[in-house]
């Protein structure tokens, strides 16, 4: 009886590990950098987001998509990482919780929105305090401004030409996101290698009252 239960449990864990390694994975959103698109804070009921790991094997990353990626070496602060207990049992439980998407991962992973692609030039801001890519202002309905702040508080940054094979990313919560503008000192050093992209954030799957499709609105004007 107990052998059968153990076998079923181990099989479930192995299948879950394979699915999350190659198909899709649930991540716990640990910070407020992507508010209000993705909810996360210390001591609250953080969003769990399903990340699709297959899409970018067959297609390209597009502006406006929310991606999870491994932090480049130049990125010093992290989002998903959580220290593991030195107790073997507690550490094992933490790892299983991370695998199932009910606890933060022990990895240098980040979640941000793609703003500019390789070869594009991004800067902030124009006269209306909008981020500009290749001379054209972005349409960003997903940006969250905290109480008492507005687009006029957008921190300006000099034009950055995104190198080939890299992305310029930013958080939706512009006043509370450490992203390509600052990580690694900002500029080119703040861009993210395409090879570091893990997958595309698709759905908020928990809590129930937050179920939703993650917006991938393209902020760049067509044509």
Protein backbone atom coordinates (compact mmCIF):
# COMPACT_ATOMS: atom_id res chain seq x y z
CA UNK A 1 0.00 0.00 0.00
CA UNK A 2 2.61 2.54 1.10
CA UNK A 3 4.90 1.49 -1.75
CA UNK A 4 2.14 2.22 -4.24
CA UNK A 5 1.44 5.61 -2.68
CA UNK A 6 5.16 6.45 -2.72
CA UNK A 7 5.48 5.30 -6.34
CA UNK A 8 2.54 7.44 -7.43
CA UNK A 9 3.89 10.45 -5.52
CA UNK A 10 7.39 10.10 -7.01
CA UNK A 11 5.96 9.62 -10.51
CA UNK A 12 3.90 12.79 -10.10
CA UNK A 13 6.95 14.75 -8.95
CA UNK A 14 9.08 13.48 -11.86
CA UNK A 15 6.36 14.29 -14.44
CA UNK A 16 5.89 17.73 -12.91
CA UNK A 17 9.64 18.34 -13.05
CA UNK A 18 9.80 17.34 -16.72
CA UNK A 19 6.83 19.52 -17.67
CA UNK A 20 8.19 22.52 -15.79
CA UNK A 21 11.67 22.02 -17.24
CA UNK A 22 10.65 21.80 -20.90
CA UNK A 23 7.02 22.89 -21.41
CA UNK A 24 5.75 25.39 -18.84
CA UNK A 25 6.43 26.41 -15.27
CA UNK A 26 4.57 28.26 -12.56
CA UNK A 27 6.50 31.10 -10.94
CA UNK A 28 5.65 32.98 -7.76
CA UNK A 29 5.79 36.76 -8.31
CA UNK A 30 7.92 38.02 -5.39
CA UNK A 31 8.05 41.77 -5.94
CA UNK A 32 5.95 44.75 -7.00
CA UNK A 33 8.04 45.61 -10.08
CA UNK A 34 5.31 44.42 -12.48
CA UNK A 35 2.27 45.91 -10.72
CA UNK A 36 -0.55 46.04 -11.65
CA UNK A 37 -0.05 43.38 -14.32
CA UNK A 38 1.49 40.94 -11.85
CA UNK A 39 0.96 41.26 -8.11
CA UNK A 40 3.76 40.60 -5.64
CA UNK A 41 4.83 41.88 -2.24
CA UNK A 42 6.30 40.71 1.03
CA UNK A 43 3.69 39.09 3.26
CA UNK A 44 0.82 39.16 0.74
CA UNK A 45 -0.86 36.55 -1.47
CA UNK A 46 1.43 36.81 -4.46
CA UNK A 47 0.39 35.96 -8.02
CA UNK A 48 1.43 32.66 -9.54
CA UNK A 49 2.08 33.02 -13.25
CA UNK A 50 2.27 30.26 -15.86
CA UNK A 51 5.32 30.72 -18.09
CA UNK A 52 5.31 29.11 -21.55
CA UNK A 53 8.74 27.68 -22.40
CA UNK A 54 7.86 26.49 -25.92
CA UNK A 55 6.84 29.66 -27.79
CA UNK A 56 10.32 31.09 -28.25
CA UNK A 57 11.67 27.82 -29.65
CA UNK A 58 9.55 28.46 -32.74
CA UNK A 59 9.14 32.24 -32.79
CA UNK A 60 10.79 35.51 -31.86
CA UNK A 61 10.35 37.67 -28.79
CA UNK A 62 8.13 40.67 -29.60
CA UNK A 63 7.85 44.12 -27.99
CA UNK A 64 5.34 44.24 -25.15
CA UNK A 65 5.66 40.59 -24.18
CA UNK A 66 6.28 39.80 -20.52
CA UNK A 67 9.21 37.42 -20.18
CA UNK A 68 10.98 35.51 -17.43
CA UNK A 69 14.75 35.37 -17.87
CA UNK A 70 17.94 34.46 -16.08
CA UNK A 71 19.65 37.53 -14.71
CA UNK A 72 22.81 38.48 -16.64
CA UNK A 73 26.04 38.61 -14.66
CA UNK A 74 25.89 42.42 -14.68
CA UNK A 75 22.52 42.34 -12.90
CA UNK A 76 23.28 42.41 -9.20
CA UNK A 77 19.82 42.43 -7.60
CA UNK A 78 17.39 39.59 -8.18
CA UNK A 79 13.68 38.86 -7.85
CA UNK A 80 12.81 35.17 -7.64
CA UNK A 81 15.72 33.95 -5.58
CA UNK A 82 15.06 32.71 -2.05
CA UNK A 83 17.73 31.30 0.24
CA UNK A 84 17.37 27.59 0.99
CA UNK A 85 17.39 26.20 4.51
CA UNK A 86 20.51 24.38 5.64
CA UNK A 87 18.21 21.72 7.09
CA UNK A 88 18.03 18.92 4.46
CA UNK A 89 14.33 18.21 5.04
CA UNK A 90 13.30 21.88 5.03
CA UNK A 91 15.45 22.51 1.95
CA UNK A 92 13.80 19.59 0.14
CA UNK A 93 10.34 20.91 0.99
CA UNK A 94 11.34 24.37 -0.31
CA UNK A 95 12.59 22.86 -3.57
CA UNK A 96 9.37 20.90 -4.07
CA UNK A 97 7.35 24.03 -3.30
CA UNK A 98 9.33 25.95 -5.91
CA UNK A 99 8.80 23.16 -8.44
CA UNK A 100 5.04 23.26 -7.88
CA UNK A 101 4.88 27.05 -7.98
CA UNK A 102 3.87 27.56 -4.36
CA UNK A 103 7.22 28.97 -3.17
CA UNK A 104 9.82 31.30 -4.75
CA UNK A 105 12.60 29.70 -6.76
CA UNK A 106 16.26 29.60 -5.76
CA UNK A 107 17.39 31.09 -9.06
CA UNK A 108 18.52 34.48 -10.40
CA UNK A 109 15.38 34.91 -12.47
CA UNK A 110 13.48 38.09 -13.31
CA UNK A 111 10.18 39.01 -14.91
CA UNK A 112 9.95 42.19 -17.03
CA UNK A 113 8.30 43.54 -20.17
CA UNK A 114 10.19 43.74 -23.46
CA UNK A 115 10.52 47.37 -24.54
CA UNK A 116 13.10 47.32 -27.35
CA UNK A 117 14.57 44.65 -29.62
CA UNK A 118 18.08 44.15 -31.03
CA UNK A 119 19.12 47.05 -33.24
CA UNK A 120 16.51 49.45 -31.86
CA UNK A 121 17.33 52.64 -29.96
CA UNK A 122 15.40 53.40 -26.77
CA UNK A 123 15.42 56.54 -24.63
CA UNK A 124 13.33 58.50 -22.14
CA UNK A 125 11.59 60.74 -22.49
CA UNK A 126 9.79 62.91 -25.05
CA UNK A 127 7.97 66.15 -24.15
CA UNK A 128 4.98 64.13 -22.95
CA UNK A 129 7.18 62.00 -20.69
CA UNK A 130 6.85 58.89 -22.86
CA UNK A 131 9.51 56.27 -23.56
CA UNK A 132 10.66 56.50 -27.17
CA UNK A 133 11.92 53.71 -29.46
CA UNK A 134 13.49 54.58 -32.81
CA UNK A 135 12.16 58.11 -32.50
CA UNK A 136 8.54 57.07 -31.90
CA UNK A 137 6.75 57.30 -28.52
CA UNK A 138 5.38 54.12 -27.00
CA UNK A 139 1.73 53.45 -26.17
CA UNK A 140 1.94 51.87 -22.71
CA UNK A 141 -1.49 51.38 -21.09
CA UNK A 142 -0.03 48.73 -18.76
CA UNK A 143 2.29 51.15 -16.90
CA UNK A 144 1.39 51.57 -13.22
CA UNK A 145 1.97 54.89 -11.47
CA UNK A 146 1.97 54.76 -7.69
CA UNK A 147 -0.15 57.21 -5.73
CA UNK A 148 1.37 60.66 -5.97
CA UNK A 149 3.38 59.88 -9.11
CA UNK A 150 2.73 60.40 -12.82
CA UNK A 151 4.50 60.12 -16.19
CA UNK A 152 6.23 63.40 -15.33
CA UNK A 153 8.19 61.38 -12.75
CA UNK A 154 9.62 59.08 -15.41
CA UNK A 155 13.36 58.91 -14.80
CA UNK A 156 15.11 60.07 -17.99
CA UNK A 157 17.86 58.02 -19.57
CA UNK A 158 20.09 58.65 -22.58
CA UNK A 159 19.54 56.82 -25.88
CA UNK A 160 20.61 53.17 -25.78
CA UNK A 161 21.11 51.20 -28.98
CA UNK A 162 20.25 47.61 -28.11
CA UNK A 163 23.05 45.27 -29.26
CA UNK A 164 22.34 42.29 -31.49
CA UNK A 165 21.14 39.28 -29.53
CA UNK A 166 19.91 41.36 -26.59
CA UNK A 167 16.73 42.98 -25.23
CA UNK A 168 15.91 46.15 -23.32
CA UNK A 169 13.34 45.37 -20.61
CA UNK A 170 11.43 47.39 -18.02
CA UNK A 171 8.95 46.73 -15.23
CA UNK A 172 5.36 48.01 -15.49
CA UNK A 173 5.70 49.64 -12.06
CA UNK A 174 8.10 52.26 -13.38
CA UNK A 175 8.88 53.88 -10.03
CA UNK A 176 9.61 50.55 -8.36
CA UNK A 177 11.48 48.42 -10.88
CA UNK A 178 15.20 47.80 -11.15
CA UNK A 179 15.56 46.88 -14.82
CA UNK A 180 17.59 47.66 -17.96
CA UNK A 181 17.63 51.32 -16.95
CA UNK A 182 19.74 50.66 -13.85
CA UNK A 183 20.99 47.08 -13.67
CA UNK A 184 24.67 46.77 -14.47
CA UNK A 185 24.90 50.54 -14.42
CA UNK A 186 22.25 50.91 -17.13
CA UNK A 187 22.75 51.49 -20.82
CA UNK A 188 24.02 48.59 -22.91
CA UNK A 189 25.16 46.81 -19.73
CA UNK A 190 21.54 46.65 -18.60
CA UNK A 191 20.31 44.76 -21.66
CA UNK A 192 19.43 41.07 -21.48
CA UNK A 193 20.83 38.32 -23.76
CA UNK A 194 18.11 36.58 -25.78
CA UNK A 195 19.64 33.26 -24.75
CA UNK A 196 18.76 34.09 -21.13
CA UNK A 197 15.03 34.20 -21.85
CA UNK A 198 13.27 31.26 -20.17
CA UNK A 199 9.77 31.83 -21.49
CA UNK A 200 6.73 34.03 -21.98
CA UNK A 201 4.38 34.82 -19.09
CA UNK A 202 0.94 33.67 -20.25
CA UNK A 203 -1.58 33.44 -17.42
CA UNK A 204 -2.04 34.41 -13.80
CA UNK A 205 -3.25 31.09 -12.37
CA UNK A 206 -3.49 31.96 -8.67
CA UNK A 207 -5.12 33.38 -6.61
CA UNK A 208 -8.53 32.64 -8.09
CA UNK A 209 -9.74 36.24 -8.10
CA UNK A 210 -6.68 37.22 -10.16
CA UNK A 211 -7.11 34.67 -12.96
CA UNK A 212 -6.25 36.49 -16.18
CA UNK A 213 -4.28 36.49 -19.41
CA UNK A 214 -1.02 38.44 -19.09
CA UNK A 215 -1.20 41.43 -21.43
CA UNK A 216 1.29 41.38 -24.30
CA UNK A 217 0.16 44.68 -25.83
CA UNK A 218 2.75 45.84 -28.36
CA UNK A 219 3.60 49.44 -27.38
CA UNK A 220 5.45 50.21 -30.59
CA UNK A 221 3.47 51.93 -33.37
CA UNK A 222 2.77 49.71 -36.38
CA UNK A 223 4.77 50.55 -39.44
